[in-house]
């Protein structure tokens, strides 16, 4: 089972909302949607449509981008529209990315 490390801003480990906290660790099922696997374990990431078109579920991939499924057409189009707001960050949509191995992520606003 792959491991997903999630940095959540403003947690008890990190009172400064802009500073990521110590990551929380989640074991997830291989080849499943990242958002669904974390939601199943009571971690609800920001979301909207859950279809890949609104971009609300955007995340920064800190490590392990190679361990997420390739982007499809819908995700690619959405990322093209929002990536300018996140220079220097690797952005994916948690509702579209399937987990293929260990990754480290942080939700984006």
N, C-alpha and C. Protein backbone atom coordinates (compact mmCIF):
# COMPACT_ATOMS: atom_id res chain seq x y z
N UNK A 1 0.84 -1.19 0.00
CA UNK A 1 0.00 0.00 0.00
C UNK A 1 0.88 1.25 0.00
N UNK A 2 0.63 2.15 -0.92
CA UNK A 2 1.40 3.40 -0.94
C UNK A 2 1.10 4.27 0.28
N UNK A 3 2.06 5.11 0.61
CA UNK A 3 1.92 6.08 1.70
C UNK A 3 1.75 7.47 1.11
N UNK A 4 0.78 8.22 1.63
CA UNK A 4 0.59 9.62 1.25
C UNK A 4 0.87 10.46 2.49
N UNK A 5 1.85 11.35 2.40
CA UNK A 5 2.12 12.31 3.47
C UNK A 5 1.42 13.60 3.11
N UNK A 6 0.62 14.12 4.04
CA UNK A 6 -0.18 15.32 3.78
C UNK A 6 0.21 16.42 4.76
N UNK A 7 0.63 17.56 4.23
CA UNK A 7 0.93 18.74 5.04
C UNK A 7 -0.33 19.59 5.12
N UNK A 8 -0.83 19.79 6.33
CA UNK A 8 -2.03 20.60 6.52
C UNK A 8 -1.65 21.89 7.24
N UNK A 9 -1.87 23.06 6.62
CA UNK A 9 -1.51 24.33 7.27
C UNK A 9 -2.40 24.62 8.47
N UNK A 10 -1.82 25.31 9.45
CA UNK A 10 -2.59 25.78 10.60
C UNK A 10 -3.00 24.70 11.59
N UNK A 11 -2.30 23.57 11.61
CA UNK A 11 -2.63 22.53 12.58
C UNK A 11 -1.98 22.85 13.91
N UNK A 12 -2.22 22.00 14.89
CA UNK A 12 -1.67 22.24 16.23
C UNK A 12 -0.14 22.21 16.23
N UNK A 13 0.46 21.45 15.29
CA UNK A 13 1.91 21.41 15.22
C UNK A 13 2.48 22.71 14.65
N UNK A 14 1.65 23.45 13.92
CA UNK A 14 2.10 24.66 13.26
C UNK A 14 1.03 25.74 13.36
N UNK A 15 1.11 26.60 14.36
CA UNK A 15 0.08 27.61 14.54
C UNK A 15 0.04 28.65 13.42
N UNK A 16 1.13 28.81 12.69
CA UNK A 16 1.18 29.76 11.59
C UNK A 16 0.51 29.12 10.37
N UNK A 17 -0.61 29.67 9.92
CA UNK A 17 -1.38 29.08 8.83
C UNK A 17 -0.57 28.96 7.54
N UNK A 18 0.40 29.84 7.33
CA UNK A 18 1.17 29.80 6.09
C UNK A 18 2.31 28.79 6.15
N UNK A 19 2.62 28.29 7.31
CA UNK A 19 3.71 27.34 7.47
C UNK A 19 3.14 25.93 7.55
N UNK A 20 3.56 25.03 6.65
CA UNK A 20 3.04 23.67 6.70
C UNK A 20 3.39 22.97 8.01
N UNK A 21 2.50 22.11 8.44
CA UNK A 21 2.71 21.34 9.66
C UNK A 21 3.55 20.10 9.37
N UNK A 22 3.84 19.38 10.43
CA UNK A 22 4.44 18.07 10.28
C UNK A 22 3.42 17.23 9.50
N UNK A 23 3.86 16.51 8.47
CA UNK A 23 2.88 15.80 7.65
C UNK A 23 2.19 14.66 8.38
N UNK A 24 0.93 14.45 8.02
CA UNK A 24 0.18 13.29 8.50
C UNK A 24 0.34 12.18 7.48
N UNK A 25 0.42 10.96 7.97
CA UNK A 25 0.67 9.81 7.10
C UNK A 25 -0.59 8.98 6.91
N UNK A 26 -0.87 8.63 5.65
CA UNK A 26 -2.03 7.82 5.31
C UNK A 26 -1.60 6.69 4.38
N UNK A 27 -2.08 5.50 4.64
CA UNK A 27 -1.88 4.36 3.75
C UNK A 27 -3.09 4.31 2.82
N UNK A 28 -2.84 4.20 1.53
CA UNK A 28 -3.93 4.22 0.55
C UNK A 28 -3.83 3.01 -0.38
N UNK A 29 -4.93 2.71 -1.02
CA UNK A 29 -4.97 1.60 -1.98
C UNK A 29 -4.35 2.03 -3.30
N UNK A 30 -3.61 1.13 -3.88
CA UNK A 30 -2.93 1.36 -5.15
C UNK A 30 -3.93 1.61 -6.28
N UNK A 31 -3.60 2.56 -7.14
CA UNK A 31 -4.37 2.89 -8.35
C UNK A 31 -5.75 3.46 -8.07
N UNK A 32 -5.94 4.04 -6.89
CA UNK A 32 -7.21 4.67 -6.54
C UNK A 32 -7.05 6.19 -6.55
N UNK A 33 -8.18 6.90 -6.67
CA UNK A 33 -8.18 8.36 -6.70
C UNK A 33 -7.71 8.90 -5.35
N UNK A 34 -6.75 9.80 -5.37
CA UNK A 34 -6.16 10.37 -4.15
C UNK A 34 -7.23 10.96 -3.23
N UNK A 35 -8.09 11.81 -3.77
CA UNK A 35 -9.12 12.44 -2.93
C UNK A 35 -9.98 11.38 -2.24
N UNK A 36 -10.44 10.39 -2.99
CA UNK A 36 -11.32 9.36 -2.44
C UNK A 36 -10.64 8.57 -1.32
N UNK A 37 -9.38 8.24 -1.51
CA UNK A 37 -8.66 7.46 -0.51
C UNK A 37 -8.47 8.24 0.80
N UNK A 38 -8.20 9.53 0.70
CA UNK A 38 -8.04 10.34 1.92
C UNK A 38 -9.39 10.61 2.57
N UNK A 39 -10.42 10.84 1.77
CA UNK A 39 -11.77 11.06 2.30
C UNK A 39 -12.26 9.82 3.05
N UNK A 40 -11.94 8.66 2.55
CA UNK A 40 -12.31 7.39 3.19
C UNK A 40 -11.71 7.29 4.60
N UNK A 41 -10.60 8.00 4.82
CA UNK A 41 -9.93 7.98 6.12
C UNK A 41 -10.21 9.26 6.91
N UNK A 42 -11.32 9.92 6.58
CA UNK A 42 -11.80 11.12 7.29
C UNK A 42 -10.92 12.34 7.13
N UNK A 43 -10.18 12.42 6.03
CA UNK A 43 -9.45 13.65 5.71
C UNK A 43 -10.11 14.23 4.46
N UNK A 44 -10.87 15.28 4.65
CA UNK A 44 -11.55 15.91 3.54
C UNK A 44 -10.73 17.10 3.05
N UNK A 45 -10.13 16.93 1.88
CA UNK A 45 -9.38 18.03 1.27
C UNK A 45 -10.37 19.02 0.67
N UNK A 46 -9.94 20.26 0.45
CA UNK A 46 -10.83 21.21 -0.23
C UNK A 46 -11.30 20.61 -1.56
N UNK A 47 -12.57 20.84 -1.88
CA UNK A 47 -13.10 20.29 -3.12
C UNK A 47 -14.33 21.08 -3.58
N UNK A 48 -14.71 20.85 -4.79
CA UNK A 48 -15.89 21.48 -5.38
C UNK A 48 -16.65 20.44 -6.16
N UNK A 49 -16.38 20.38 -7.46
CA UNK A 49 -17.14 19.51 -8.36
C UNK A 49 -16.76 18.03 -8.28
N UNK A 50 -15.55 17.73 -7.87
CA UNK A 50 -14.98 16.38 -7.85
C UNK A 50 -14.98 15.72 -9.23
N UNK A 51 -14.96 16.55 -10.27
CA UNK A 51 -14.91 16.04 -11.64
C UNK A 51 -13.70 16.57 -12.40
N UNK A 52 -12.91 17.44 -11.76
CA UNK A 52 -11.69 17.93 -12.38
C UNK A 52 -11.82 19.24 -13.13
N UNK A 53 -12.99 19.83 -13.14
CA UNK A 53 -13.15 21.05 -13.94
C UNK A 53 -13.10 22.35 -13.13
N UNK A 54 -13.31 22.30 -11.82
CA UNK A 54 -13.33 23.56 -11.05
C UNK A 54 -11.97 23.92 -10.46
N UNK A 55 -11.12 22.94 -10.20
CA UNK A 55 -9.79 23.20 -9.66
C UNK A 55 -9.75 23.40 -8.16
N UNK A 56 -10.87 23.27 -7.46
CA UNK A 56 -10.90 23.49 -6.01
C UNK A 56 -10.07 22.48 -5.23
N UNK A 57 -9.88 21.30 -5.78
CA UNK A 57 -9.16 20.24 -5.07
C UNK A 57 -7.66 20.25 -5.39
N UNK A 58 -7.17 21.39 -5.85
CA UNK A 58 -5.75 21.48 -6.25
C UNK A 58 -4.82 21.23 -5.06
N UNK A 59 -3.75 20.54 -5.36
CA UNK A 59 -2.73 20.22 -4.36
C UNK A 59 -1.36 20.50 -4.95
N UNK A 60 -0.41 20.75 -4.06
CA UNK A 60 0.99 20.79 -4.46
C UNK A 60 1.57 19.41 -4.22
N UNK A 61 2.25 18.88 -5.21
CA UNK A 61 2.96 17.62 -5.04
C UNK A 61 4.39 17.98 -4.66
N UNK A 62 4.73 17.71 -3.41
CA UNK A 62 6.05 18.05 -2.88
C UNK A 62 7.09 17.01 -3.29
N UNK A 63 6.70 15.75 -3.20
CA UNK A 63 7.57 14.63 -3.61
C UNK A 63 6.70 13.54 -4.24
N UNK A 64 7.28 12.85 -5.21
CA UNK A 64 6.61 11.67 -5.76
C UNK A 64 5.69 11.92 -6.93
N UNK A 65 5.89 12.99 -7.69
CA UNK A 65 5.03 13.26 -8.84
C UNK A 65 4.99 12.07 -9.79
N UNK A 66 6.09 11.33 -9.87
CA UNK A 66 6.15 10.15 -10.74
C UNK A 66 5.26 9.03 -10.25
N UNK A 67 4.78 9.14 -9.01
CA UNK A 67 3.92 8.12 -8.42
C UNK A 67 2.44 8.47 -8.49
N UNK A 68 2.10 9.44 -9.34
CA UNK A 68 0.70 9.75 -9.62
C UNK A 68 0.43 9.44 -11.09
N UNK A 69 -0.79 9.06 -11.39
CA UNK A 69 -1.17 8.74 -12.77
C UNK A 69 -0.95 9.95 -13.67
N UNK A 70 -0.74 9.72 -14.96
CA UNK A 70 -0.62 10.85 -15.89
C UNK A 70 -1.91 11.67 -15.91
N UNK A 71 -1.77 12.96 -16.21
CA UNK A 71 -2.95 13.83 -16.29
C UNK A 71 -3.75 13.53 -17.55
N UNK A 72 -5.07 13.52 -17.39
CA UNK A 72 -5.96 13.39 -18.53
C UNK A 72 -6.27 14.76 -19.11
N UNK A 73 -7.11 14.80 -20.12
CA UNK A 73 -7.45 16.04 -20.81
C UNK A 73 -8.13 17.05 -19.88
N UNK A 74 -9.10 16.61 -19.10
CA UNK A 74 -9.83 17.52 -18.21
C UNK A 74 -8.89 18.14 -17.18
N UNK A 75 -8.09 17.31 -16.53
CA UNK A 75 -7.16 17.83 -15.51
C UNK A 75 -6.13 18.76 -16.14
N UNK A 76 -5.60 18.39 -17.28
CA UNK A 76 -4.61 19.23 -17.96
C UNK A 76 -5.18 20.61 -18.27
N UNK A 77 -6.40 20.66 -18.78
CA UNK A 77 -7.05 21.93 -19.10
C UNK A 77 -7.24 22.78 -17.85
N UNK A 78 -7.71 22.16 -16.78
CA UNK A 78 -7.94 22.90 -15.52
C UNK A 78 -6.62 23.42 -14.96
N UNK A 79 -5.60 22.59 -14.93
CA UNK A 79 -4.29 23.00 -14.41
C UNK A 79 -3.73 24.15 -15.24
N UNK A 80 -3.91 24.12 -16.54
CA UNK A 80 -3.44 25.22 -17.41
C UNK A 80 -4.03 26.56 -16.97
N UNK A 81 -5.27 26.55 -16.52
CA UNK A 81 -5.94 27.79 -16.12
C UNK A 81 -5.53 28.29 -14.74
N UNK A 82 -5.04 27.41 -13.87
CA UNK A 82 -4.74 27.84 -12.50
C UNK A 82 -3.25 27.87 -12.16
N UNK A 83 -2.41 27.22 -12.97
CA UNK A 83 -1.00 27.07 -12.58
C UNK A 83 -0.25 28.39 -12.46
N UNK A 84 -0.69 29.43 -13.14
CA UNK A 84 -0.03 30.73 -13.04
C UNK A 84 -0.07 31.32 -11.64
N UNK A 85 -1.04 30.89 -10.84
CA UNK A 85 -1.15 31.37 -9.46
C UNK A 85 -0.19 30.66 -8.52
N UNK A 86 0.49 29.62 -9.00
CA UNK A 86 1.37 28.81 -8.16
C UNK A 86 2.73 28.61 -8.82
N UNK A 87 3.47 29.70 -9.08
CA UNK A 87 4.76 29.56 -9.75
C UNK A 87 5.73 28.70 -8.93
N UNK A 88 6.43 27.83 -9.62
CA UNK A 88 7.43 26.99 -8.96
C UNK A 88 6.86 25.78 -8.24
N UNK A 89 5.54 25.58 -8.31
CA UNK A 89 4.92 24.45 -7.61
C UNK A 89 4.40 23.45 -8.63
N UNK A 90 4.48 22.18 -8.26
CA UNK A 90 3.91 21.12 -9.08
C UNK A 90 2.47 20.92 -8.63
N UNK A 91 1.52 21.26 -9.49
CA UNK A 91 0.11 21.26 -9.13
C UNK A 91 -0.61 20.09 -9.80
N UNK A 92 -1.44 19.41 -9.02
CA UNK A 92 -2.33 18.35 -9.53
C UNK A 92 -3.69 18.53 -8.87
N UNK A 93 -4.67 17.78 -9.36
CA UNK A 93 -6.01 17.78 -8.78
C UNK A 93 -6.21 16.47 -8.04
N UNK A 94 -6.54 16.56 -6.76
CA UNK A 94 -6.67 15.34 -5.95
C UNK A 94 -7.85 14.48 -6.40
N UNK A 95 -8.84 15.08 -7.07
CA UNK A 95 -10.00 14.30 -7.51
C UNK A 95 -9.73 13.54 -8.80
N UNK A 96 -8.59 13.78 -9.45
CA UNK A 96 -8.29 13.12 -10.73
C UNK A 96 -7.05 12.23 -10.66
N UNK A 97 -6.14 12.51 -9.74
CA UNK A 97 -4.87 11.78 -9.67
C UNK A 97 -5.04 10.44 -8.97
N UNK A 98 -4.56 9.39 -9.61
CA UNK A 98 -4.55 8.07 -8.99
C UNK A 98 -3.17 7.83 -8.39
N UNK A 99 -3.15 7.20 -7.22
CA UNK A 99 -1.91 6.96 -6.49
C UNK A 99 -1.27 5.66 -6.97
N UNK A 100 -0.03 5.77 -7.46
CA UNK A 100 0.71 4.62 -7.96
C UNK A 100 1.92 4.28 -7.09
N UNK A 101 2.18 5.12 -6.08
CA UNK A 101 3.31 4.92 -5.17
C UNK A 101 3.29 6.02 -4.12
N UNK A 102 4.35 6.11 -3.34
CA UNK A 102 4.41 7.09 -2.25
C UNK A 102 4.46 8.52 -2.77
N UNK A 103 3.68 9.40 -2.15
CA UNK A 103 3.68 10.82 -2.51
C UNK A 103 3.58 11.68 -1.26
N UNK A 104 4.00 12.92 -1.40
CA UNK A 104 3.90 13.92 -0.33
C UNK A 104 3.22 15.14 -0.94
N UNK A 105 2.14 15.60 -0.29
CA UNK A 105 1.32 16.66 -0.87
C UNK A 105 0.95 17.72 0.17
N UNK A 106 0.44 18.84 -0.33
CA UNK A 106 -0.13 19.89 0.52
C UNK A 106 -1.29 20.52 -0.25
N UNK A 107 -2.44 20.73 0.41
CA UNK A 107 -3.55 21.41 -0.26
C UNK A 107 -3.15 22.84 -0.61
N UNK A 108 -3.67 23.35 -1.72
CA UNK A 108 -3.43 24.73 -2.14
C UNK A 108 -4.73 25.52 -2.06
N UNK A 109 -4.60 26.81 -1.72
CA UNK A 109 -5.79 27.67 -1.69
C UNK A 109 -5.93 28.40 -2.99
